Protein backbone atom coordinates (compact mmCIF):
# COMPACT_ATOMS: atom_id res chain seq x y z
CA MET A 1 17.50 7.91 23.34
CA LYS A 2 18.38 7.32 19.70
CA ARG A 3 16.78 9.77 17.27
CA ILE A 4 15.26 8.50 14.01
CA ARG A 5 14.16 11.03 11.38
CA LEU A 6 11.58 9.75 8.89
CA GLY A 7 9.05 11.13 6.44
CA LEU A 8 6.54 10.52 3.67
CA ILE A 9 6.61 11.98 0.14
CA GLY A 10 3.32 12.14 -1.77
CA ASP A 11 0.76 14.49 -3.29
CA ASN A 12 -2.43 13.72 -1.35
CA ILE A 13 -1.12 12.81 2.09
CA LYS A 14 -2.46 15.37 4.57
CA ALA A 15 -4.86 12.77 6.03
CA SER A 16 -2.17 10.06 6.26
CA ARG A 17 -1.99 8.10 9.52
CA ALA A 18 1.60 7.04 8.85
CA PRO A 19 3.09 9.70 11.18
CA ALA A 20 1.03 8.41 14.12
CA LEU A 21 1.96 4.79 13.47
CA HIS A 22 5.70 5.47 13.33
CA ARG A 23 5.69 7.76 16.34
CA HIS A 24 3.82 5.19 18.42
CA CYS A 25 6.25 2.49 17.28
CA GLY A 26 9.09 4.73 18.40
CA GLU A 27 7.56 5.29 21.84
CA MET A 28 7.00 1.54 22.28
CA THR A 29 10.58 0.70 21.34
CA GLY A 30 12.38 3.51 23.19
CA LEU A 31 13.29 5.51 20.08
CA ASP A 32 12.84 9.25 19.48
CA VAL A 33 11.04 9.10 16.11
CA SER A 34 10.00 12.10 14.03
CA TYR A 35 7.89 11.55 10.93
CA ASP A 36 6.99 14.45 8.66
CA LEU A 37 4.95 14.90 5.49
CA PHE A 38 6.56 16.27 2.33
CA ILE A 39 4.33 17.40 -0.54
CA PRO A 40 6.48 18.42 -3.53
CA LYS A 41 3.96 20.87 -5.00
CA GLU A 42 3.55 22.70 -1.70
CA MET A 43 7.34 22.83 -1.33
CA GLY A 44 7.69 24.33 -4.81
CA MET A 45 9.96 21.45 -5.81
CA GLU A 46 9.94 18.43 -8.10
CA PHE A 47 9.96 14.94 -6.60
CA ASP A 48 13.65 14.36 -7.39
CA GLU A 49 14.56 17.62 -5.68
CA VAL A 50 12.59 16.71 -2.54
CA PHE A 51 14.14 13.23 -2.43
CA ASP A 52 17.69 14.59 -2.75
CA HIS A 53 16.99 17.35 -0.22
CA LEU A 54 15.81 14.85 2.41
CA ARG A 55 18.74 12.52 1.78
CA ARG A 56 21.25 15.36 2.11
CA ASN A 57 19.59 16.71 5.24
CA GLY A 58 20.02 13.64 7.37
CA LEU A 59 16.75 11.71 7.23
CA ASP A 60 17.18 8.04 8.05
CA GLY A 61 14.49 6.92 5.66
CA ILE A 62 11.31 7.82 3.84
CA ASN A 63 8.10 6.27 2.68
CA VAL A 64 6.92 7.10 -0.83
CA THR A 65 3.31 7.08 -2.01
CA LEU A 66 1.17 8.22 -4.96
CA PRO A 67 2.20 9.21 -7.53
CA TYR A 68 5.90 8.53 -6.95
CA LYS A 69 6.26 4.82 -6.14
CA GLU A 70 7.45 3.95 -9.63
CA ARG A 71 9.45 7.12 -10.21
CA VAL A 72 11.60 6.52 -7.11
CA VAL A 73 12.85 3.17 -8.44
CA ALA A 74 15.51 4.91 -10.54
CA LYS A 75 16.93 6.59 -7.44
CA VAL A 76 17.52 3.50 -5.28
CA SER A 77 19.26 0.14 -5.31
CA ILE A 78 17.01 -2.89 -4.89
CA GLU A 79 18.49 -6.10 -3.53
CA ASP A 80 15.38 -8.29 -3.57
CA PRO A 81 14.75 -9.59 -7.13
CA ASP A 82 10.99 -9.87 -6.53
CA ILE A 83 10.80 -6.20 -5.58
CA ALA A 84 12.89 -5.30 -8.63
CA ARG A 85 10.33 -7.10 -10.81
CA ILE A 86 7.47 -5.26 -9.11
CA GLY A 87 9.07 -2.02 -10.28
CA SER A 88 7.62 -0.02 -7.41
CA VAL A 89 9.14 1.11 -4.11
CA ASN A 90 7.37 2.57 -1.07
CA THR A 91 10.16 2.42 1.52
CA VAL A 92 13.64 3.90 1.20
CA LEU A 93 16.44 3.49 3.72
CA PHE A 94 19.27 6.02 3.45
CA THR A 95 22.61 4.36 4.20
CA GLN A 96 26.28 5.20 3.76
CA GLU A 97 26.21 2.88 0.74
CA GLY A 98 23.33 4.81 -0.83
CA ALA A 99 19.54 4.74 -0.91
CA LYS A 100 18.07 1.24 -0.68
CA GLY A 101 14.53 0.48 -1.84
CA GLN A 102 11.98 -1.93 -0.41
CA ASN A 103 8.30 -2.61 -0.99
CA THR A 104 6.31 -3.20 2.18
CA ASP A 105 3.01 -3.05 0.26
CA PHE A 106 4.06 -6.49 -1.03
CA THR A 107 4.88 -7.97 2.38
CA GLY A 108 2.13 -6.00 4.12
CA PHE A 109 -0.65 -7.30 1.87
CA MET A 110 0.40 -10.90 2.50
CA SER A 111 0.41 -10.32 6.25
CA ALA A 112 -3.00 -8.61 6.10
CA TRP A 113 -4.44 -11.48 4.05
CA ARG A 114 -3.15 -14.18 6.40
CA ASN A 115 -4.32 -12.30 9.47
CA SER A 116 -7.87 -12.10 8.06
CA PHE A 117 -8.22 -15.21 5.88
CA ASP A 118 -5.56 -17.53 7.34
CA THR A 119 -4.48 -20.15 4.78
CA ALA A 120 -7.34 -19.58 2.29
CA GLU A 121 -6.23 -18.95 -1.28
CA PRO A 122 -7.46 -15.87 -3.20
CA GLY A 123 -8.93 -17.88 -6.11
CA ARG A 124 -9.85 -15.96 -9.27
CA VAL A 125 -9.33 -12.22 -8.70
CA ALA A 126 -10.31 -9.07 -10.60
CA MET A 127 -8.06 -6.15 -9.69
CA PHE A 128 -8.70 -2.54 -10.65
CA GLY A 129 -5.51 -0.55 -11.14
CA ALA A 130 -2.01 -1.59 -12.19
CA GLY A 131 0.00 1.24 -10.64
CA GLY A 132 2.32 1.32 -7.64
CA VAL A 133 0.29 -0.46 -4.96
CA GLY A 134 -1.44 -2.59 -7.60
CA LYS A 135 1.89 -4.00 -8.74
CA ALA A 136 2.77 -5.06 -5.21
CA ILE A 137 -0.66 -6.59 -4.59
CA ALA A 138 -0.56 -8.53 -7.88
CA PHE A 139 2.76 -10.13 -6.93
CA ALA A 140 1.46 -10.81 -3.42
CA LEU A 141 -1.69 -12.46 -4.80
CA LYS A 142 0.45 -14.74 -6.93
CA ARG A 143 2.60 -15.63 -3.90
CA LEU A 144 -0.60 -16.39 -1.95
CA GLY A 145 -1.67 -18.86 -4.64
CA ALA A 146 -4.22 -16.93 -6.74
CA ARG A 147 -5.57 -19.08 -9.58
CA GLU A 148 -6.05 -16.10 -11.92
CA ILE A 149 -5.38 -12.35 -11.62
CA ILE A 150 -7.40 -10.21 -14.06
CA LEU A 151 -6.04 -6.67 -14.33
CA ILE A 152 -8.63 -4.00 -15.19
CA GLU A 153 -6.92 -0.71 -15.97
CA THR A 154 -7.86 2.33 -18.07
CA ASP A 155 -4.35 2.10 -19.57
CA ARG A 156 -4.49 -1.40 -21.05
CA GLN A 157 -0.80 -1.37 -21.95
CA LYS A 158 -0.02 -0.81 -18.28
CA ALA A 159 -2.11 -3.85 -17.36
CA GLU A 160 -0.45 -5.99 -20.03
CA THR A 161 3.01 -4.98 -18.83
CA LEU A 162 2.18 -5.88 -15.24
CA ALA A 163 0.72 -9.21 -16.36
CA ARG A 164 3.94 -10.05 -18.20
CA ASN A 165 6.03 -9.16 -15.16
CA VAL A 166 3.87 -11.21 -12.80
CA ASN A 167 4.00 -14.19 -15.16
CA SER A 168 7.75 -14.03 -15.81
CA GLY A 169 9.73 -16.85 -14.27
CA GLY A 170 6.69 -18.88 -13.27
CA GLU A 171 3.13 -19.96 -14.00
CA ALA A 172 1.09 -17.55 -16.13
CA VAL A 173 -1.77 -16.48 -13.84
CA ALA A 174 -2.18 -12.79 -14.73
CA ARG A 175 -3.77 -11.14 -17.76
CA ALA A 176 -5.29 -7.83 -18.80
CA GLY A 177 -9.08 -7.83 -18.67
CA ALA A 178 -12.25 -5.76 -18.72
CA LEU A 179 -15.45 -5.20 -16.73
CA ALA A 180 -17.03 -8.25 -18.35
CA ASP A 181 -14.48 -10.40 -16.49
CA LEU A 182 -16.10 -9.55 -13.13
CA ALA A 183 -18.55 -12.41 -13.60
CA GLY A 184 -17.57 -15.44 -11.56
CA VAL A 185 -14.57 -13.97 -9.71
CA ASP A 186 -13.81 -14.96 -6.12
CA GLY A 187 -12.27 -11.63 -5.15
CA VAL A 188 -12.29 -7.98 -6.20
CA VAL A 189 -9.46 -5.54 -5.46
CA ASN A 190 -9.42 -1.76 -5.72
CA SER A 191 -5.83 -0.62 -6.05
CA THR A 192 -6.76 2.74 -7.62
CA PRO A 193 -6.97 6.03 -5.66
CA LEU A 194 -10.75 6.14 -6.21
CA GLY A 195 -12.48 6.54 -2.86
CA MET A 196 -9.54 8.30 -1.21
CA VAL A 197 -9.97 11.72 0.39
CA GLY A 198 -9.55 14.15 -2.49
CA TYR A 199 -10.53 11.63 -5.18
CA GLY A 200 -13.88 10.01 -4.31
CA GLY A 201 -15.76 7.45 -6.35
CA THR A 202 -15.26 3.74 -7.00
CA PRO A 203 -13.84 1.82 -9.98
CA VAL A 204 -16.83 -0.55 -10.10
CA PRO A 205 -19.93 0.83 -11.86
CA GLU A 206 -23.07 0.83 -9.74
CA GLY A 207 -24.87 -2.49 -10.02
CA ALA A 208 -21.82 -4.28 -11.46
CA PHE A 209 -20.22 -5.58 -8.25
CA PRO A 210 -20.12 -9.40 -8.50
CA ALA A 211 -21.12 -11.97 -5.87
CA ALA A 212 -17.49 -12.37 -4.80
CA ARG A 213 -16.25 -14.26 -1.76
CA TRP A 214 -13.95 -11.42 -0.65
CA ALA A 215 -12.93 -7.86 -1.55
CA PHE A 216 -10.03 -5.57 -0.69
CA ASP A 217 -9.80 -1.78 -0.95
CA ALA A 218 -6.29 -0.32 -0.79
CA VAL A 219 -7.83 3.02 0.24
CA TYR A 220 -7.95 3.55 4.02
CA THR A 221 -8.57 7.29 4.32
CA PRO A 222 -11.49 7.17 4.76
CA VAL A 223 -12.04 3.61 5.96
CA ASP A 224 -15.65 3.67 4.76
CA THR A 225 -15.43 3.98 0.97
CA PRO A 226 -18.02 3.57 -1.80
CA PHE A 227 -16.14 0.40 -2.86
CA LYS A 228 -16.52 -1.02 0.65
CA ALA A 229 -20.25 -0.30 0.59
CA GLN A 230 -20.55 -2.09 -2.75
CA ALA A 231 -18.57 -5.11 -1.51
CA GLU A 232 -20.57 -5.50 1.69
CA ALA A 233 -23.87 -5.09 -0.17
CA ALA A 234 -22.76 -7.94 -2.44
CA GLY A 235 -22.01 -10.14 0.59
CA ALA A 236 -18.21 -10.20 0.24
CA ALA A 237 -15.91 -10.54 3.24
CA PHE A 238 -14.18 -7.15 3.27
CA LEU A 239 -10.47 -6.60 3.89
CA SER A 240 -9.79 -2.95 4.61
CA GLY A 241 -6.87 -0.96 3.30
CA TYR A 242 -6.29 -0.10 6.94
CA GLU A 243 -4.84 -3.59 7.38
CA LEU A 244 -2.39 -3.00 4.54
CA TYR A 245 -1.56 0.40 6.04
CA TYR A 246 -0.90 -1.27 9.38
CA TYR A 247 1.30 -4.10 8.19
CA GLN A 248 3.22 -2.16 5.55
CA GLY A 249 3.88 0.50 8.18
CA VAL A 250 5.14 -1.98 10.76
CA ASP A 251 7.39 -3.60 8.15
CA ALA A 252 8.74 -0.18 7.14
CA PHE A 253 9.45 0.76 10.76
CA GLU A 254 11.48 -2.41 11.21
CA ILE A 255 13.43 -1.64 8.03
CA PHE A 256 14.13 1.92 9.18
CA THR A 257 15.18 1.02 12.71
CA GLY A 258 16.13 -2.66 12.81
CA VAL A 259 13.74 -2.99 15.77
CA ALA A 260 10.61 -5.15 15.84
CA VAL A 261 7.33 -3.85 17.25
CA PRO A 262 6.95 -5.69 20.58
CA ASP A 263 3.15 -5.62 21.05
CA HIS A 264 0.78 -5.43 18.07
CA ALA A 265 -2.35 -5.37 20.21
CA ALA A 266 -1.06 -2.35 22.13
CA LEU A 267 -0.10 -0.56 18.92
CA ARG A 268 -3.52 -1.19 17.40
CA LYS A 269 -5.15 0.14 20.57
CA ARG A 270 -3.12 3.34 20.39
CA LEU A 271 -4.03 3.87 16.75
CA ALA A 272 -7.72 3.25 17.46
CA GLU A 273 -7.64 5.78 20.31
CA ASP A 274 -6.07 8.33 17.95
CA GLN A 275 -8.87 7.74 15.47
CA HIS A 276 -11.56 8.14 18.12
CA ARG A 277 -10.04 11.41 19.29
CA GLN A 278 -9.95 12.68 15.72
CA ILE A 279 -13.60 11.77 15.15
CA ASN A 280 -14.65 13.42 18.43
CA ALA A 281 -12.76 16.58 17.51
CA GLN A 282 -14.70 16.81 14.25
CA THR A 283 -18.12 16.50 15.90
């Protein structure tokens, strides 16, 4: 049985379900997969040191999450021009030719959207956050045919830079915005860490959530977030960050191994059973 050594680098990842997903994928495809968590601060190392340590010590690939998705770009080669324009990488394959970067948040969001909303277009979208996952989602929204993407970010320069990148080489659909732009949007996206275990909160002030057609929260630990409660109270069809987690993870596994997951229903069942066991253990 071929052994595949994988891992995840991030700061707030102890509750991540990525190890379970990749190990189940390995079992279903006949591969011996290990997937470990690497937290630079707990290792007493900087991100660059952890990255180089894992590459030297024989890992086949790594996922990268907050706050390192942009920082890792300088350490990899990126073949896909769209991913290069996103400027954020969450999947790294270590090869004899060097470290190669991919962004499965980009592909994973599109798959999650189509699985839930089929061929519907996103319409006019307000998105909170213009960081790593936000960059990928913005490009994915444009690919899905969004009419307008309004970027609401505490660092306005960051939002303006992302808007320029999204608009380069095509129709100008993205711009920096503010809370006042929530009125009349079709969709609302949370691509900030707010709501995640260890962070809490929501980017939308109480009482300000618009009557949107749909909403997406990139946070999936926990699944039930304050943003989700706001969206459902406003009557929006809710797309969970769990779906992005699922599809970006499956895409990453295929990049790492070159093997496709044979049965998505069976994989989802395994992951659901894991979650139920975890909940029961806590009660």
